[in-house]
Amino acid sequence: MASLGILETRGETGLMQATDAMLKAADVKLVKSIAIGGGYVTVIVQGDVGSVKAAIDAGAEAGGRVGELVAAHVIPRPHDALLASFGA
């Protein structure tokens, strides 16, 4: 079962650092990056629950080091409609 990881930062630098760390830390797929506005950017990754949790933990630590981490969350078993809405 796929799970989703959502990480939001304020600023591109933190997001790039976080995304790099997530993709290196675990076997996850980058689903989408969304510019919210006002400098807020969200990135979504997908994979098995353990991998997504490891990726979000690594991304939150890395993103918070060089930028402003706003939120980091793992959805273990998202509804199929939620997955479809993000193209996952």
N, C-alpha and C. Protein backbone atom coordinates (compact mmCIF):
# COMPACT_ATOMS: atom_id res chain seq x y z
N MET A 1 0.85 -1.18 0.00
CA MET A 1 0.00 0.00 0.00
C MET A 1 0.89 1.24 0.00
N ALA A 2 0.56 2.16 -0.84
CA ALA A 2 1.33 3.40 -0.95
C ALA A 2 0.98 4.33 0.20
N SER A 3 1.94 5.12 0.60
CA SER A 3 1.69 6.18 1.57
C SER A 3 2.24 7.48 0.99
N LEU A 4 1.76 8.59 1.52
CA LEU A 4 2.20 9.90 1.06
C LEU A 4 2.95 10.62 2.17
N GLY A 5 3.96 11.35 1.79
CA GLY A 5 4.68 12.22 2.70
C GLY A 5 4.58 13.64 2.18
N ILE A 6 4.26 14.56 3.06
CA ILE A 6 4.07 15.96 2.67
C ILE A 6 5.01 16.80 3.52
N LEU A 7 5.80 17.63 2.85
CA LEU A 7 6.74 18.50 3.54
C LEU A 7 6.59 19.91 2.96
N GLU A 8 6.43 20.89 3.84
CA GLU A 8 6.27 22.27 3.39
C GLU A 8 7.32 23.15 4.03
N THR A 9 7.89 24.03 3.22
CA THR A 9 8.87 24.99 3.70
C THR A 9 8.48 26.38 3.24
N ARG A 10 9.11 27.34 3.84
CA ARG A 10 8.99 28.71 3.36
C ARG A 10 10.31 29.04 2.70
N GLY A 11 10.29 29.08 1.37
CA GLY A 11 11.50 29.35 0.60
C GLY A 11 11.98 28.13 -0.16
N GLU A 12 12.53 28.40 -1.32
CA GLU A 12 13.00 27.33 -2.22
C GLU A 12 14.26 26.63 -1.72
N THR A 13 15.14 27.35 -1.07
CA THR A 13 16.41 26.74 -0.64
C THR A 13 16.16 25.59 0.33
N GLY A 14 15.33 25.82 1.33
CA GLY A 14 15.01 24.76 2.29
C GLY A 14 14.32 23.59 1.62
N LEU A 15 13.46 23.89 0.66
CA LEU A 15 12.75 22.84 -0.05
C LEU A 15 13.70 21.98 -0.87
N MET A 16 14.64 22.62 -1.56
CA MET A 16 15.61 21.86 -2.36
C MET A 16 16.47 20.96 -1.48
N GLN A 17 16.91 21.49 -0.36
CA GLN A 17 17.72 20.70 0.57
C GLN A 17 16.91 19.53 1.12
N ALA A 18 15.66 19.81 1.50
CA ALA A 18 14.79 18.77 2.06
C ALA A 18 14.49 17.69 1.02
N THR A 19 14.17 18.09 -0.20
CA THR A 19 13.85 17.14 -1.25
C THR A 19 15.05 16.25 -1.57
N ASP A 20 16.21 16.84 -1.66
CA ASP A 20 17.43 16.06 -1.91
C ASP A 20 17.65 15.04 -0.80
N ALA A 21 17.49 15.47 0.44
CA ALA A 21 17.68 14.55 1.57
C ALA A 21 16.65 13.43 1.56
N MET A 22 15.41 13.74 1.23
CA MET A 22 14.36 12.71 1.21
C MET A 22 14.65 11.65 0.15
N LEU A 23 15.03 12.10 -1.04
CA LEU A 23 15.26 11.15 -2.13
C LEU A 23 16.51 10.31 -1.91
N LYS A 24 17.46 10.83 -1.17
CA LYS A 24 18.68 10.07 -0.85
C LYS A 24 18.47 9.12 0.33
N ALA A 25 17.56 9.48 1.24
CA ALA A 25 17.39 8.72 2.48
C ALA A 25 16.60 7.43 2.31
N ALA A 26 15.70 7.40 1.33
CA ALA A 26 14.81 6.24 1.23
C ALA A 26 14.33 6.06 -0.21
N ASP A 27 13.75 4.90 -0.45
CA ASP A 27 13.22 4.58 -1.77
C ASP A 27 11.82 5.16 -1.91
N VAL A 28 11.76 6.47 -2.22
CA VAL A 28 10.49 7.16 -2.42
C VAL A 28 10.49 7.81 -3.80
N LYS A 29 9.28 8.08 -4.28
CA LYS A 29 9.10 8.71 -5.59
C LYS A 29 8.61 10.14 -5.35
N LEU A 30 9.23 11.07 -6.03
CA LEU A 30 8.80 12.47 -5.97
C LEU A 30 7.53 12.59 -6.81
N VAL A 31 6.42 12.94 -6.17
CA VAL A 31 5.13 13.01 -6.85
C VAL A 31 4.90 14.40 -7.42
N LYS A 32 5.09 15.41 -6.58
CA LYS A 32 4.74 16.76 -7.02
C LYS A 32 5.37 17.79 -6.09
N SER A 33 5.67 18.94 -6.67
CA SER A 33 6.09 20.11 -5.90
C SER A 33 5.09 21.21 -6.22
N ILE A 34 4.56 21.84 -5.20
CA ILE A 34 3.49 22.83 -5.37
C ILE A 34 3.92 24.15 -4.75
N ALA A 35 3.96 25.19 -5.56
CA ALA A 35 4.22 26.54 -5.04
C ALA A 35 2.88 27.10 -4.54
N ILE A 36 2.78 27.30 -3.24
CA ILE A 36 1.53 27.74 -2.64
C ILE A 36 1.34 29.24 -2.81
N GLY A 37 2.41 29.99 -2.71
CA GLY A 37 2.37 31.44 -2.76
C GLY A 37 2.97 32.00 -1.47
N GLY A 38 3.40 33.24 -1.52
CA GLY A 38 3.99 33.85 -0.34
C GLY A 38 5.28 33.18 0.11
N GLY A 39 5.94 32.48 -0.81
CA GLY A 39 7.19 31.80 -0.47
C GLY A 39 7.01 30.39 0.05
N TYR A 40 5.78 29.94 0.25
CA TYR A 40 5.52 28.60 0.75
C TYR A 40 5.51 27.60 -0.40
N VAL A 41 6.22 26.49 -0.20
CA VAL A 41 6.31 25.45 -1.22
C VAL A 41 6.13 24.10 -0.54
N THR A 42 5.36 23.23 -1.17
CA THR A 42 5.10 21.90 -0.64
C THR A 42 5.63 20.86 -1.61
N VAL A 43 6.21 19.80 -1.07
CA VAL A 43 6.65 18.68 -1.89
C VAL A 43 5.98 17.42 -1.35
N ILE A 44 5.59 16.54 -2.28
CA ILE A 44 4.90 15.31 -1.92
C ILE A 44 5.71 14.13 -2.45
N VAL A 45 5.94 13.14 -1.58
CA VAL A 45 6.63 11.92 -1.98
C VAL A 45 5.72 10.73 -1.69
N GLN A 46 5.99 9.62 -2.38
CA GLN A 46 5.18 8.42 -2.24
C GLN A 46 6.08 7.21 -2.12
N GLY A 47 5.64 6.23 -1.35
CA GLY A 47 6.35 4.98 -1.20
C GLY A 47 5.72 4.16 -0.11
N ASP A 48 6.41 3.11 0.34
CA ASP A 48 5.87 2.33 1.44
C ASP A 48 6.01 3.16 2.73
N VAL A 49 5.25 2.80 3.74
CA VAL A 49 5.16 3.61 4.96
C VAL A 49 6.52 3.86 5.60
N GLY A 50 7.32 2.83 5.75
CA GLY A 50 8.63 2.97 6.38
C GLY A 50 9.55 3.90 5.60
N SER A 51 9.55 3.75 4.28
CA SER A 51 10.39 4.60 3.45
C SER A 51 9.96 6.05 3.50
N VAL A 52 8.65 6.28 3.43
CA VAL A 52 8.14 7.65 3.48
C VAL A 52 8.45 8.29 4.83
N LYS A 53 8.28 7.55 5.90
CA LYS A 53 8.59 8.07 7.25
C LYS A 53 10.06 8.44 7.34
N ALA A 54 10.94 7.58 6.87
CA ALA A 54 12.38 7.87 6.89
C ALA A 54 12.70 9.08 6.03
N ALA A 55 12.07 9.18 4.86
CA ALA A 55 12.32 10.30 3.97
C ALA A 55 11.85 11.62 4.58
N ILE A 56 10.66 11.63 5.16
CA ILE A 56 10.14 12.85 5.77
C ILE A 56 11.00 13.28 6.96
N ASP A 57 11.43 12.33 7.76
CA ASP A 57 12.32 12.66 8.90
C ASP A 57 13.61 13.31 8.40
N ALA A 58 14.22 12.71 7.38
CA ALA A 58 15.46 13.25 6.83
C ALA A 58 15.22 14.61 6.19
N GLY A 59 14.13 14.75 5.45
CA GLY A 59 13.82 16.01 4.79
C GLY A 59 13.52 17.13 5.77
N ALA A 60 12.80 16.81 6.83
CA ALA A 60 12.47 17.82 7.84
C ALA A 60 13.72 18.33 8.54
N GLU A 61 14.63 17.42 8.84
CA GLU A 61 15.88 17.83 9.50
C GLU A 61 16.71 18.69 8.57
N ALA A 62 16.87 18.27 7.33
CA ALA A 62 17.69 19.00 6.37
C ALA A 62 17.06 20.33 5.98
N GLY A 63 15.78 20.34 5.73
CA GLY A 63 15.09 21.57 5.35
C GLY A 63 15.07 22.60 6.45
N GLY A 64 14.92 22.15 7.68
CA GLY A 64 14.92 23.05 8.82
C GLY A 64 16.28 23.64 9.12
N ARG A 65 17.33 22.98 8.68
CA ARG A 65 18.70 23.47 8.90
C ARG A 65 19.02 24.69 8.06
N VAL A 66 18.51 24.72 6.82
CA VAL A 66 18.88 25.81 5.91
C VAL A 66 17.71 26.74 5.58
N GLY A 67 16.53 26.41 6.03
CA GLY A 67 15.35 27.22 5.73
C GLY A 67 14.35 27.13 6.85
N GLU A 68 13.13 27.52 6.55
CA GLU A 68 12.06 27.48 7.54
C GLU A 68 11.12 26.32 7.24
N LEU A 69 11.16 25.30 8.07
CA LEU A 69 10.26 24.16 7.93
C LEU A 69 8.90 24.56 8.48
N VAL A 70 7.86 24.39 7.68
CA VAL A 70 6.51 24.75 8.09
C VAL A 70 5.76 23.53 8.59
N ALA A 71 5.82 22.43 7.84
CA ALA A 71 5.09 21.22 8.22
C ALA A 71 5.73 20.00 7.58
N ALA A 72 5.58 18.87 8.25
CA ALA A 72 6.02 17.58 7.72
C ALA A 72 5.04 16.54 8.23
N HIS A 73 4.47 15.75 7.32
CA HIS A 73 3.43 14.80 7.72
C HIS A 73 3.45 13.57 6.83
N VAL A 74 3.12 12.43 7.41
CA VAL A 74 3.01 11.17 6.68
C VAL A 74 1.56 10.70 6.75
N ILE A 75 1.00 10.35 5.61
CA ILE A 75 -0.34 9.75 5.56
C ILE A 75 -0.12 8.28 5.17
N PRO A 76 -0.26 7.36 6.14
CA PRO A 76 0.10 5.97 5.91
C PRO A 76 -0.72 5.24 4.85
N ARG A 77 -2.01 5.40 4.85
CA ARG A 77 -2.86 4.71 3.88
C ARG A 77 -3.88 5.68 3.31
N PRO A 78 -3.46 6.56 2.42
CA PRO A 78 -4.40 7.56 1.90
C PRO A 78 -5.50 6.91 1.05
N HIS A 79 -6.62 7.55 1.04
CA HIS A 79 -7.74 7.11 0.21
C HIS A 79 -7.31 7.18 -1.27
N ASP A 80 -7.82 6.29 -2.08
CA ASP A 80 -7.47 6.27 -3.50
C ASP A 80 -7.76 7.59 -4.20
N ALA A 81 -8.83 8.26 -3.79
CA ALA A 81 -9.18 9.55 -4.39
C ALA A 81 -8.12 10.60 -4.09
N LEU A 82 -7.54 10.55 -2.90
CA LEU A 82 -6.47 11.48 -2.54
C LEU A 82 -5.24 11.22 -3.39
N LEU A 83 -4.89 9.96 -3.55
CA LEU A 83 -3.75 9.61 -4.41
C LEU A 83 -3.98 10.09 -5.84
N ALA A 84 -5.17 9.89 -6.35
CA ALA A 84 -5.49 10.28 -7.70
C ALA A 84 -5.44 11.79 -7.88
N SER A 85 -5.83 12.54 -6.85
CA SER A 85 -5.84 14.01 -6.97
C SER A 85 -4.44 14.59 -7.11
N PHE A 86 -3.44 13.86 -6.64
CA PHE A 86 -2.06 14.31 -6.77
C PHE A 86 -1.34 13.61 -7.92
N GLY A 87 -2.02 12.76 -8.62
CA GLY A 87 -1.41 12.04 -9.73
C GLY A 87 -0.50 10.92 -9.28
N ALA A 88 -0.70 10.45 -8.08
CA ALA A 88 0.14 9.38 -7.52
C ALA A 88 -0.40 8.02 -7.86
